[in-house]
Protein backbone atom coordinates (compact mmCIF):
# COMPACT_ATOMS: atom_id res chain seq x y z
CA MET A 1 28.79 17.19 15.94
CA TYR A 2 26.02 18.32 13.61
CA PRO A 3 22.81 19.67 15.23
CA GLU A 4 20.89 16.93 13.39
CA PHE A 5 22.85 14.33 15.38
CA TYR A 6 21.61 15.63 18.74
CA PHE A 7 18.08 15.96 17.41
CA MET A 8 18.04 12.36 16.20
CA ARG A 9 19.38 11.12 19.56
CA PHE A 10 16.63 13.01 21.40
CA TYR A 11 14.02 11.80 18.93
CA THR A 12 15.13 8.17 19.35
CA PHE A 13 15.06 8.54 23.14
CA LEU A 14 11.54 9.97 23.01
CA ILE A 15 10.28 7.15 20.79
CA CYS A 16 11.73 4.58 23.19
CA ILE A 17 9.93 6.18 26.16
CA LEU A 18 6.64 6.31 24.28
CA SER A 19 7.05 2.69 23.19
CA LEU A 20 7.58 1.59 26.80
CA ASN A 21 4.42 3.39 27.85
CA LEU A 22 2.46 1.57 25.14
CA ILE A 23 3.60 -1.91 26.21
CA PRO A 24 0.78 -2.48 28.75
CA PHE A 25 -1.78 -1.39 26.14
CA ARG A 26 -0.32 -3.78 23.54
CA LEU A 27 -0.17 -6.68 25.97
CA LYS A 28 -3.78 -6.14 26.98
CA ALA A 29 -4.91 -5.93 23.34
CA GLU A 30 -3.07 -9.13 22.45
CA SER A 31 -4.51 -11.03 25.41
CA LEU A 32 -8.10 -10.03 24.62
CA SER A 33 -7.95 -10.11 20.82
CA PRO A 34 -9.92 -12.69 18.82
CA LYS A 35 -8.05 -15.62 17.34
CA PRO A 36 -7.53 -15.55 13.54
CA TYR A 37 -10.06 -17.41 11.44
CA GLY A 38 -8.91 -19.49 8.46
CA PRO A 39 -6.05 -18.31 6.22
CA THR A 40 -4.76 -14.79 6.76
CA PRO A 41 -2.70 -12.44 4.56
CA SER A 42 1.07 -12.40 4.80
CA ALA A 43 2.79 -9.09 5.56
CA LYS A 44 3.46 -8.42 1.87
CA GLN A 45 -0.10 -9.34 0.89
CA LEU A 46 -1.44 -6.99 3.54
CA ILE A 47 0.69 -4.14 2.19
CA SER A 48 -0.47 -4.88 -1.36
CA GLU A 49 -4.16 -4.93 -0.44
CA ASN A 50 -3.88 -1.69 1.50
CA GLU A 51 -2.23 0.04 -1.47
CA GLU A 52 -5.16 -0.97 -3.73
CA LEU A 53 -4.13 0.84 -6.94
CA TYR A 54 -1.35 -0.16 -9.32
CA ALA A 55 -0.54 0.88 -12.88
CA PHE A 56 0.30 -1.29 -15.87
CA MET A 57 2.46 0.04 -18.74
CA HIS A 58 2.28 -1.88 -22.01
CA PHE A 59 5.13 -0.58 -24.15
CA GLY A 60 7.26 -2.15 -26.88
CA VAL A 61 7.43 -2.80 -30.62
CA ASN A 62 3.61 -2.93 -30.77
CA THR A 63 3.58 0.76 -29.89
CA PHE A 64 5.30 1.44 -33.22
CA THR A 65 3.60 -1.19 -35.40
CA ASP A 66 0.11 -0.21 -34.19
CA LYS A 67 -0.62 -3.82 -33.21
CA GLU A 68 -1.81 -5.44 -30.00
CA TRP A 69 0.16 -8.67 -30.43
CA GLY A 70 3.51 -8.56 -32.17
CA GLU A 71 4.42 -11.56 -34.30
CA GLY A 72 8.00 -11.93 -33.09
CA SER A 73 9.53 -11.03 -36.44
CA GLU A 74 9.72 -7.26 -35.89
CA ASN A 75 13.08 -5.65 -36.58
CA GLU A 76 14.65 -4.08 -33.51
CA SER A 77 15.09 -0.79 -35.41
CA ILE A 78 11.36 -0.09 -35.21
CA PHE A 79 11.62 0.68 -31.50
CA ASN A 80 12.56 4.36 -31.32
CA PRO A 81 10.70 6.62 -28.84
CA THR A 82 11.18 10.25 -29.84
CA ASP A 83 11.10 11.84 -26.36
CA PHE A 84 11.17 9.12 -23.70
CA ASN A 85 10.47 10.45 -20.20
CA ALA A 86 10.05 7.89 -17.42
CA TYR A 87 9.55 10.62 -14.82
CA GLN A 88 6.61 12.11 -16.70
CA MET A 89 4.88 8.74 -16.70
CA VAL A 90 5.60 7.72 -13.12
CA GLN A 91 4.71 11.18 -11.80
CA ALA A 92 1.37 10.99 -13.62
CA PHE A 93 0.60 7.68 -11.91
CA LYS A 94 1.62 9.08 -8.53
CA ASP A 95 -0.57 12.15 -9.08
CA GLY A 96 -3.41 9.76 -9.90
CA GLY A 97 -3.12 8.03 -6.53
CA PHE A 98 -1.38 4.88 -7.73
CA LYS A 99 1.23 3.20 -5.55
CA GLY A 100 3.27 1.18 -8.04
CA VAL A 101 3.98 0.55 -11.72
CA ILE A 102 4.27 -2.81 -13.50
CA LEU A 103 6.15 -2.58 -16.81
CA THR A 104 5.82 -5.08 -19.67
CA CYS A 105 9.54 -5.78 -19.86
CA LYS A 106 8.88 -8.41 -22.53
CA HIS A 107 5.54 -9.05 -24.22
CA HIS A 108 4.58 -12.05 -26.38
CA ASP A 109 6.63 -10.72 -29.32
CA GLY A 110 9.81 -11.38 -27.32
CA PHE A 111 11.30 -7.89 -27.67
CA CYS A 112 13.13 -6.96 -24.44
CA LEU A 113 13.01 -3.43 -23.04
CA TRP A 114 16.34 -3.95 -21.32
CA PRO A 115 19.71 -4.94 -22.88
CA SER A 116 19.46 -8.61 -21.98
CA ALA A 117 22.67 -10.58 -22.25
CA TYR A 118 20.72 -13.58 -23.56
CA THR A 119 19.20 -12.23 -26.78
CA GLU A 120 19.86 -9.76 -29.56
CA HIS A 121 16.13 -9.00 -29.79
CA SER A 122 16.23 -6.04 -27.41
CA VAL A 123 16.73 -2.30 -27.07
CA LYS A 124 20.49 -2.73 -27.44
CA ASN A 125 19.97 -3.24 -31.18
CA SER A 126 17.51 -0.37 -31.59
CA PRO A 127 18.39 3.22 -32.60
CA TRP A 128 16.92 4.55 -29.35
CA ARG A 129 19.65 6.08 -27.16
CA SER A 130 22.10 4.81 -29.84
CA GLY A 131 21.59 1.27 -28.57
CA LYS A 132 22.64 2.24 -25.03
CA GLY A 133 19.14 2.68 -23.62
CA ASP A 134 17.38 0.64 -20.96
CA VAL A 135 13.64 1.28 -20.49
CA VAL A 136 13.50 -0.97 -17.43
CA ARG A 137 16.34 0.98 -15.79
CA GLU A 138 14.79 4.37 -16.43
CA VAL A 139 11.31 3.38 -15.26
CA SER A 140 12.60 1.57 -12.17
CA ASP A 141 14.84 4.51 -11.26
CA ALA A 142 11.93 6.94 -11.67
CA CYS A 143 9.73 4.76 -9.46
CA HIS A 144 12.28 4.45 -6.70
CA ARG A 145 13.13 8.17 -6.71
CA LEU A 146 9.47 9.22 -6.70
CA GLY A 147 8.52 6.85 -3.90
CA MET A 148 6.60 4.45 -6.16
CA ARG A 149 6.98 0.70 -6.23
CA PHE A 150 8.27 -1.06 -9.36
CA GLY A 151 7.07 -4.38 -10.77
CA ILE A 152 7.73 -6.47 -13.86
CA TYR A 153 5.75 -8.40 -16.47
CA LEU A 154 7.77 -11.05 -18.33
CA SER A 155 5.69 -12.94 -20.86
CA PRO A 156 6.04 -16.74 -20.62
CA TRP A 157 5.18 -16.99 -24.33
CA ASP A 158 7.87 -15.76 -26.73
CA ARG A 159 6.99 -15.61 -30.45
CA ASN A 160 10.55 -14.66 -31.36
CA HIS A 161 12.67 -17.26 -29.60
CA ALA A 162 13.74 -20.24 -31.70
CA PHE A 163 13.52 -22.67 -28.77
CA TYR A 164 10.10 -21.76 -27.40
CA GLY A 165 8.32 -25.01 -26.55
CA LYS A 166 11.63 -26.81 -25.95
CA PRO A 167 13.69 -27.26 -22.75
CA GLU A 168 16.28 -24.71 -23.88
CA TYR A 169 13.72 -21.91 -23.70
CA LEU A 170 13.12 -22.56 -19.99
CA THR A 171 16.80 -21.89 -19.30
CA TYR A 172 16.54 -18.68 -21.34
CA TYR A 173 13.47 -17.54 -19.42
CA LYS A 174 15.01 -18.26 -16.02
CA ASN A 175 18.14 -16.33 -17.00
CA GLN A 176 16.06 -13.31 -17.97
CA LEU A 177 14.01 -13.55 -14.81
CA ARG A 178 17.23 -13.47 -12.80
CA GLU A 179 18.43 -10.42 -14.76
CA LEU A 180 15.31 -8.48 -13.94
CA LEU A 181 15.24 -9.54 -10.30
CA THR A 182 18.88 -8.68 -9.57
CA GLN A 183 19.64 -5.53 -11.57
CA TYR A 184 16.76 -3.14 -10.90
CA GLY A 185 16.35 -2.84 -7.15
CA PRO A 186 13.31 -3.98 -5.12
CA ILE A 187 10.53 -5.56 -7.19
CA PHE A 188 7.11 -5.46 -5.56
CA GLU A 189 5.26 -7.75 -8.00
CA VAL A 190 6.06 -10.20 -10.79
CA TRP A 191 3.01 -10.42 -13.06
CA LEU A 192 2.72 -13.67 -15.05
CA ASP A 193 -0.10 -14.39 -17.46
CA GLY A 194 -1.17 -17.75 -18.80
CA ALA A 195 0.01 -17.31 -22.40
CA ASN A 196 0.94 -20.75 -23.69
CA GLY A 197 1.68 -20.40 -27.37
CA GLY A 198 0.23 -20.10 -30.85
CA MET A 199 1.49 -18.92 -34.22
CA GLY A 200 4.88 -17.25 -34.11
CA TYR A 201 8.11 -16.40 -35.86
CA TYR A 202 10.22 -18.64 -33.58
CA GLY A 203 13.56 -17.72 -35.09
CA GLY A 204 12.21 -18.03 -38.63
CA ALA A 205 10.28 -21.29 -38.24
CA LYS A 206 6.93 -19.45 -38.66
CA GLU A 207 4.75 -22.14 -37.19
CA LYS A 208 2.24 -22.85 -34.45
CA ARG A 209 3.58 -24.02 -31.10
CA VAL A 210 1.34 -24.65 -28.11
CA VAL A 211 2.52 -25.94 -24.75
CA ASP A 212 0.84 -27.38 -21.68
CA ALA A 213 1.54 -24.41 -19.42
CA THR A 214 1.06 -26.33 -16.19
CA SER A 215 3.76 -28.88 -16.95
CA TYR A 216 6.04 -27.09 -19.45
CA TYR A 217 6.80 -23.94 -17.50
CA GLN A 218 7.93 -25.81 -14.35
CA TRP A 219 5.97 -23.11 -12.55
CA PRO A 220 6.22 -23.95 -8.84
CA ASP A 221 9.67 -25.55 -8.81
CA ALA A 222 11.50 -23.08 -11.05
CA TRP A 223 9.89 -19.67 -11.36
CA VAL A 224 8.45 -19.37 -7.87
CA SER A 225 11.65 -20.57 -6.23
CA ILE A 226 13.74 -18.06 -8.21
CA ILE A 227 11.48 -15.16 -7.28
CA ARG A 228 11.31 -16.20 -3.63
CA GLU A 229 15.10 -16.51 -3.53
CA LEU A 230 15.93 -13.19 -5.16
CA GLN A 231 12.98 -11.00 -4.12
CA PRO A 232 11.39 -12.56 -1.01
CA ASP A 233 9.13 -9.54 -0.41
CA CYS A 234 7.74 -9.69 -3.94
CA ILE A 235 4.10 -10.53 -4.76
CA ILE A 236 3.78 -13.28 -7.38
CA HIS A 237 0.73 -12.96 -9.61
CA SER A 238 -0.64 -15.60 -11.95
CA ASP A 239 -4.04 -17.02 -12.81
CA PHE A 240 -4.13 -18.59 -9.35
CA GLY A 241 -1.44 -16.99 -7.26
CA PRO A 242 0.35 -17.89 -5.16
CA ASP A 243 0.09 -14.34 -3.74
CA ASN A 244 -2.76 -12.88 -5.77
CA ARG A 245 -4.88 -14.27 -8.58
CA TRP A 246 -6.16 -13.00 -11.92
CA GLY A 247 -9.62 -11.47 -11.52
CA GLY A 248 -11.20 -13.58 -14.25
CA ASN A 249 -11.61 -10.89 -16.93
CA GLU A 250 -9.85 -7.88 -18.43
CA GLU A 251 -12.69 -5.48 -17.59
CA GLY A 252 -11.40 -4.41 -14.18
CA THR A 253 -14.40 -5.76 -12.26
CA GLN A 254 -15.05 -8.48 -9.70
CA ALA A 255 -18.14 -10.43 -8.75
CA LEU A 256 -20.22 -8.85 -6.00
CA THR A 257 -19.23 -11.80 -3.82
CA SER A 258 -15.48 -12.28 -4.11
CA TRP A 259 -13.64 -14.17 -1.40
CA ALA A 260 -9.94 -13.64 -0.75
CA THR A 261 -9.38 -17.38 -0.31
CA ILE A 262 -9.10 -20.42 -2.57
CA LYS A 263 -8.61 -24.14 -2.00
CA ASN A 264 -5.08 -25.47 -2.01
CA LYS A 265 -5.86 -28.13 -4.61
CA ASN A 266 -6.75 -25.40 -7.11
CA LEU A 267 -3.42 -23.57 -6.88
CA THR A 268 -2.15 -24.51 -10.33
CA PHE A 269 -0.62 -22.22 -12.93
CA ASN A 270 -2.78 -21.41 -15.95
CA THR A 271 -6.05 -22.71 -14.52
CA LYS A 272 -8.31 -20.28 -16.32
CA GLU A 273 -11.68 -20.81 -14.72
CA SER A 274 -13.10 -17.30 -14.78
CA LYS A 275 -15.93 -17.99 -12.30
CA ARG A 276 -13.56 -19.21 -9.62
CA ASN A 277 -11.10 -16.42 -10.38
CA LYS A 278 -13.87 -13.88 -9.91
CA THR A 279 -15.42 -15.33 -6.78
CA GLY A 280 -12.62 -17.13 -4.96
CA GLU A 281 -13.65 -20.09 -2.81
CA ARG A 282 -15.28 -20.25 0.60
CA PRO A 283 -14.08 -21.90 2.73
CA GLY A 284 -10.50 -21.79 1.47
CA ASP A 285 -7.08 -23.01 2.55
CA LEU A 286 -4.97 -20.15 1.15
CA TRP A 287 -5.19 -16.36 1.15
CA VAL A 288 -5.03 -15.47 -2.56
CA PRO A 289 -7.01 -12.27 -3.24
CA ALA A 290 -7.90 -11.10 -6.72
CA GLU A 291 -6.24 -8.45 -8.86
CA SER A 292 -8.44 -6.86 -11.53
CA ASP A 293 -6.72 -5.64 -14.69
CA VAL A 294 -8.15 -3.27 -17.30
CA SER A 295 -6.84 -0.69 -19.77
CA ILE A 296 -7.73 2.99 -19.70
CA ARG A 297 -8.14 2.64 -23.48
CA HIS A 298 -9.76 0.03 -25.66
CA GLY A 299 -6.46 -1.78 -26.24
CA TRP A 300 -3.41 -2.50 -24.12
CA PHE A 301 -0.83 -0.76 -26.33
CA TYR A 302 -1.06 2.84 -27.50
CA HIS A 303 -2.98 3.47 -30.72
CA GLU A 304 -3.69 7.02 -31.81
CA SER A 305 -7.02 5.88 -33.23
CA GLU A 306 -8.13 5.04 -29.68
CA ASP A 307 -7.60 8.51 -28.22
CA SER A 308 -11.40 8.88 -28.05
CA THR A 309 -11.76 5.72 -25.93
CA VAL A 310 -9.89 6.99 -22.85
CA LYS A 311 -11.98 6.22 -19.79
CA SER A 312 -13.27 9.21 -17.85
CA ALA A 313 -12.65 9.88 -14.16
CA THR A 314 -16.24 8.83 -13.45
CA LYS A 315 -15.72 5.52 -15.24
CA LEU A 316 -12.43 4.91 -13.40
CA PHE A 317 -14.13 5.57 -10.06
CA SER A 318 -16.87 3.11 -11.02
CA LEU A 319 -14.19 0.51 -11.80
CA TYR A 320 -12.54 1.26 -8.44
CA CYS A 321 -15.84 0.50 -6.68
CA GLN A 322 -16.28 -2.72 -8.66
CA SER A 323 -12.73 -3.98 -8.03
CA VAL A 324 -11.21 -2.55 -4.86
CA GLY A 325 -14.77 -2.25 -3.57
CA ARG A 326 -15.14 -6.00 -4.03
CA GLY A 327 -11.95 -7.10 -2.30
CA SER A 328 -9.59 -6.83 -5.29
CA ASN A 329 -6.70 -4.59 -6.24
CA LEU A 330 -7.16 -2.54 -9.42
CA LEU A 331 -4.38 -2.76 -12.01
CA LEU A 332 -4.99 -0.02 -14.58
CA ASN A 333 -3.04 -0.07 -17.84
CA VAL A 334 -2.04 3.31 -19.28
CA PRO A 335 0.18 2.78 -22.37
CA PRO A 336 2.97 5.17 -23.37
CA ASP A 337 2.71 6.68 -26.85
CA LYS A 338 5.39 6.80 -29.56
CA ARG A 339 7.18 9.59 -27.74
CA GLY A 340 7.64 7.36 -24.71
CA GLN A 341 5.26 9.42 -22.58
CA LEU A 342 1.67 9.17 -21.39
CA ALA A 343 -0.75 11.04 -23.63
CA ALA A 344 -2.22 14.26 -22.22
CA LYS A 345 -5.79 12.93 -22.22
CA ASP A 346 -4.78 9.86 -20.20
CA VAL A 347 -2.86 12.00 -17.70
CA ALA A 348 -5.83 14.32 -17.25
CA SER A 349 -8.14 11.38 -16.61
CA LEU A 350 -5.81 9.96 -13.95
CA LYS A 351 -5.60 13.30 -12.16
CA ALA A 352 -9.37 13.82 -12.29
CA PHE A 353 -9.95 10.30 -10.93
CA LYS A 354 -7.76 11.07 -7.93
CA ALA A 355 -9.63 14.32 -7.30
CA LEU A 356 -13.02 12.59 -7.55
CA LYS A 357 -11.95 9.79 -5.22
CA ASP A 358 -10.53 12.20 -2.66
CA GLU A 359 -13.61 14.42 -2.75
CA THR A 360 -15.96 11.46 -2.39
CA PHE A 361 -14.21 10.04 0.67
CA ALA A 362 -13.36 13.38 2.30
CA THR A 363 -16.31 13.39 4.74
CA ASN A 364 -17.47 10.27 6.54
CA LEU A 365 -20.94 11.02 7.89
CA ILE A 366 -20.64 8.57 10.79
CA ASN A 367 -18.04 10.85 12.39
CA ASP A 368 -20.95 12.94 13.72
CA ALA A 369 -23.19 10.01 14.61
CA ASN A 370 -24.07 8.49 17.96
CA ILE A 371 -22.87 4.88 17.65
CA THR A 372 -24.41 1.96 19.53
CA ALA A 373 -23.34 -1.69 19.18
CA SER A 374 -25.41 -4.69 20.27
CA ASN A 375 -22.25 -6.32 21.63
CA THR A 376 -18.67 -5.23 22.35
CA ARG A 377 -15.95 -7.72 23.05
CA SER A 378 -15.38 -7.99 26.84
CA ASN A 379 -17.19 -4.62 27.11
CA ASP A 380 -13.73 -3.15 26.51
CA SER A 381 -13.09 0.14 24.68
CA LEU A 382 -10.26 -1.61 22.81
CA PHE A 383 -12.97 -3.18 20.63
CA SER A 384 -15.55 -0.40 20.66
CA ALA A 385 -17.69 0.35 17.61
CA GLN A 386 -16.26 3.88 17.84
CA HIS A 387 -13.24 2.43 16.03
CA LEU A 388 -15.37 2.15 12.89
CA LYS A 389 -14.67 5.85 12.30
CA ALA A 390 -10.93 5.21 11.95
CA GLU A 391 -9.28 5.20 8.51
CA SER A 392 -6.02 3.51 9.53
CA GLY A 393 -7.35 -0.05 9.74
CA ASN A 394 -5.24 -0.77 12.84
CA THR A 395 -8.25 -0.89 15.19
CA TYR A 396 -11.58 -2.64 14.92
CA TRP A 397 -14.99 -3.31 16.45
CA SER A 398 -15.22 -6.87 17.70
CA THR A 399 -17.71 -9.05 19.55
CA ASP A 400 -17.38 -11.79 22.13
CA ASP A 401 -16.30 -15.18 20.81
CA SER A 402 -19.83 -16.59 21.13
CA VAL A 403 -21.43 -13.68 19.24
CA THR A 404 -21.46 -14.18 15.47
CA GLU A 405 -24.58 -12.09 14.83
CA ALA A 406 -24.54 -8.45 15.85
CA ASN A 407 -25.44 -4.94 14.77
CA VAL A 408 -24.34 -1.33 15.05
CA VAL A 409 -26.76 1.60 14.85
CA PHE A 410 -25.62 5.07 13.73
CA GLU A 411 -27.96 7.91 14.70
CA TRP A 412 -27.86 11.65 13.96
CA ALA A 413 -29.64 14.59 15.57
CA GLU A 414 -30.28 16.01 12.09
CA PRO A 415 -30.88 14.11 8.82
CA VAL A 416 -27.87 13.15 6.71
CA THR A 417 -27.73 12.31 3.01
CA TYR A 418 -25.57 9.61 1.44
CA ASN A 419 -25.35 7.43 -1.66
CA LEU A 420 -22.16 5.43 -1.06
CA ILE A 421 -21.32 2.86 1.62
CA ASN A 422 -17.83 1.61 2.50
CA ILE A 423 -17.11 -1.25 4.91
CA GLN A 424 -13.85 -3.05 5.78
CA GLU A 425 -12.95 -6.13 7.78
CA TYR A 426 -9.83 -6.39 9.93
CA ILE A 427 -8.26 -8.90 7.55
CA PRO A 428 -5.13 -9.69 9.66
CA LEU A 429 -7.64 -11.89 11.54
CA GLY A 430 -8.96 -13.43 8.31
CA GLN A 431 -12.18 -13.06 6.32
CA ARG A 432 -14.88 -13.80 8.87
CA VAL A 433 -18.25 -12.37 7.76
CA ASP A 434 -20.51 -14.56 5.60
CA ALA A 435 -23.62 -12.37 5.37
CA TYR A 436 -24.59 -8.83 6.32
CA GLN A 437 -27.01 -6.07 5.48
CA ILE A 438 -27.31 -2.29 5.77
CA GLU A 439 -30.60 -0.49 6.40
CA HIS A 440 -31.76 3.09 6.81
CA TRP A 441 -34.63 4.44 8.90
CA ILE A 442 -37.56 6.05 7.10
CA ASN A 443 -41.22 6.53 8.06
CA ASN A 444 -40.59 4.88 11.43
CA ALA A 445 -39.33 1.65 9.88
CA TRP A 446 -36.09 0.04 8.75
CA VAL A 447 -35.69 -0.08 4.95
CA LEU A 448 -33.14 -2.38 3.31
CA ASP A 449 -30.33 -0.51 1.60
CA THR A 450 -28.12 -3.42 0.56
CA GLN A 451 -27.26 -6.97 1.56
CA ALA A 452 -24.20 -9.02 0.66
CA GLN A 453 -21.88 -11.82 1.73
CA ALA A 454 -18.16 -11.03 1.42
CA ILE A 455 -16.45 -7.99 2.93
CA GLY A 456 -12.71 -8.66 3.12
CA HIS A 457 -10.37 -5.72 2.61
CA ARG A 458 -13.11 -3.41 1.35
CA ALA A 459 -16.72 -3.52 0.16
CA ILE A 460 -18.20 -0.45 -1.56
CA PHE A 461 -21.81 0.04 -2.60
CA LYS A 462 -22.99 2.95 -4.73
CA GLY A 463 -26.76 3.29 -4.65
CA SER A 464 -29.59 5.78 -4.73
CA THR A 465 -29.40 8.90 -2.61
CA VAL A 466 -30.86 8.41 0.89
CA THR A 467 -31.73 10.99 3.55
CA THR A 468 -32.20 9.58 7.06
CA THR A 469 -31.45 9.98 10.77
CA LYS A 470 -30.48 6.35 11.41
CA VAL A 471 -28.50 3.61 9.66
CA ARG A 472 -28.03 0.05 10.88
CA LEU A 473 -25.25 -2.38 9.97
CA THR A 474 -26.28 -5.96 10.77
CA ILE A 475 -23.88 -8.91 10.66
CA LYS A 476 -26.29 -11.74 9.93
CA HIS A 477 -23.69 -14.49 10.12
CA SER A 478 -19.98 -14.63 10.76
CA ALA A 479 -17.80 -17.75 10.79
CA ALA A 480 -16.12 -16.37 13.92
CA CYS A 481 -16.71 -13.35 16.13
CA VAL A 482 -16.95 -10.07 14.23
CA ALA A 483 -13.88 -7.91 13.48
CA ILE A 484 -14.82 -4.82 11.42
CA SER A 485 -12.22 -2.07 11.05
CA HIS A 486 -14.14 0.65 9.20
CA PHE A 487 -17.62 1.76 8.19
CA GLY A 488 -18.35 4.84 6.15
CA LEU A 489 -21.27 6.68 4.60
CA TYR A 490 -20.49 9.24 1.91
CA LEU A 491 -22.23 11.50 -0.56
CA GLN A 492 -20.74 11.39 -4.05
CA LYS A 493 -21.76 14.49 -5.96
CA ASP A 494 -22.88 14.13 -9.57
């Protein structure tokens, strides 16, 4: 037997013993825990929200024609990256703190980045890799080997296909969806936009075709069922879900008040109501949090003329605070250049963003504070406000069922200085808080720092620099007893 065999047997035995010792603790926690309020996230939604940062990669014929929207008439020969390197791109995203990559496998021009069996308009008829290349394969392999998650974008609109707008196109689309969902390993997200037609090549017809996206695409019965069948752990994104919703703009920001829930009657594909996308709906019947998309450059595809528009690390951190810090994931597009790599300036910005984010959140000032809560559920340490220091999100401060207004005071022996606040709810129990405020103590009086409504997965506030010896978090109203998993005060250096 190999030594590793005996080690693994001992390790498994030890884990079993430890698990048995934890059973009484788990049973007690379950018996005393609050009941969930309203809709709650599924396991895959919870994973997605905790990961927070995903990357978009817009790549295709537009990269070589210097356009944002291809017309569908582009010759396949134009696609020819000179030094394609999927590992360089995926590694750059990983080094930037991103957890997954969504590739535009087919944009509106209809050109496919994989050798689809259902069209000639794909990489198999390009000179790249002598027609034997597969961008989807190389990117998905790089993701899986580097511990990153892989997702796909498959445009509903196709300006190349002769049958777009007719029933035959739906069969074509479903076939391609099945190709992508069965040949490239686990898919963590399918990203669907609301594109529903316009002028196009359409196999040479060169005309305008517009469809009613809600009825034409057979969205719930066809696409959702295929994805659920083939990739049950996959997040499905569209304008309104069903797993996460479009954030309402392409600026990477959410409204200050953005609920993770919407009403069931509004779950319809291609319902572009930007206000509701930004804010969600309270109360809601379904857990459908937002995802905020934005490009690191001015456009979505690479254009050399836009090298000067690459967003700085400071700007990316600001977008993080206005998206993730408002209950939304951030989906940042970084387009490959004509080599088939990320440009050096983009890579540097990603790396600097990660460094800035890590430095900002390195020291939580409440770790050295004396913490006092106005109420603790059952007066039990399982629900103590001391849990607010934790970063894991597996514990939380909670109040008795009858207590929906409460506060926690953080006090220091010596003054502390902060300019950034971070608060998180324990969302496995739902989104509970409706109104809260944060104050600091100065000149023997409480001074309002910020007040807001929604918390959800995370709420971040960047404000003026404050020096104080006391801070108070007050839950002014909660739809059910409080369940807050984390509170943090940080000093972001200029």
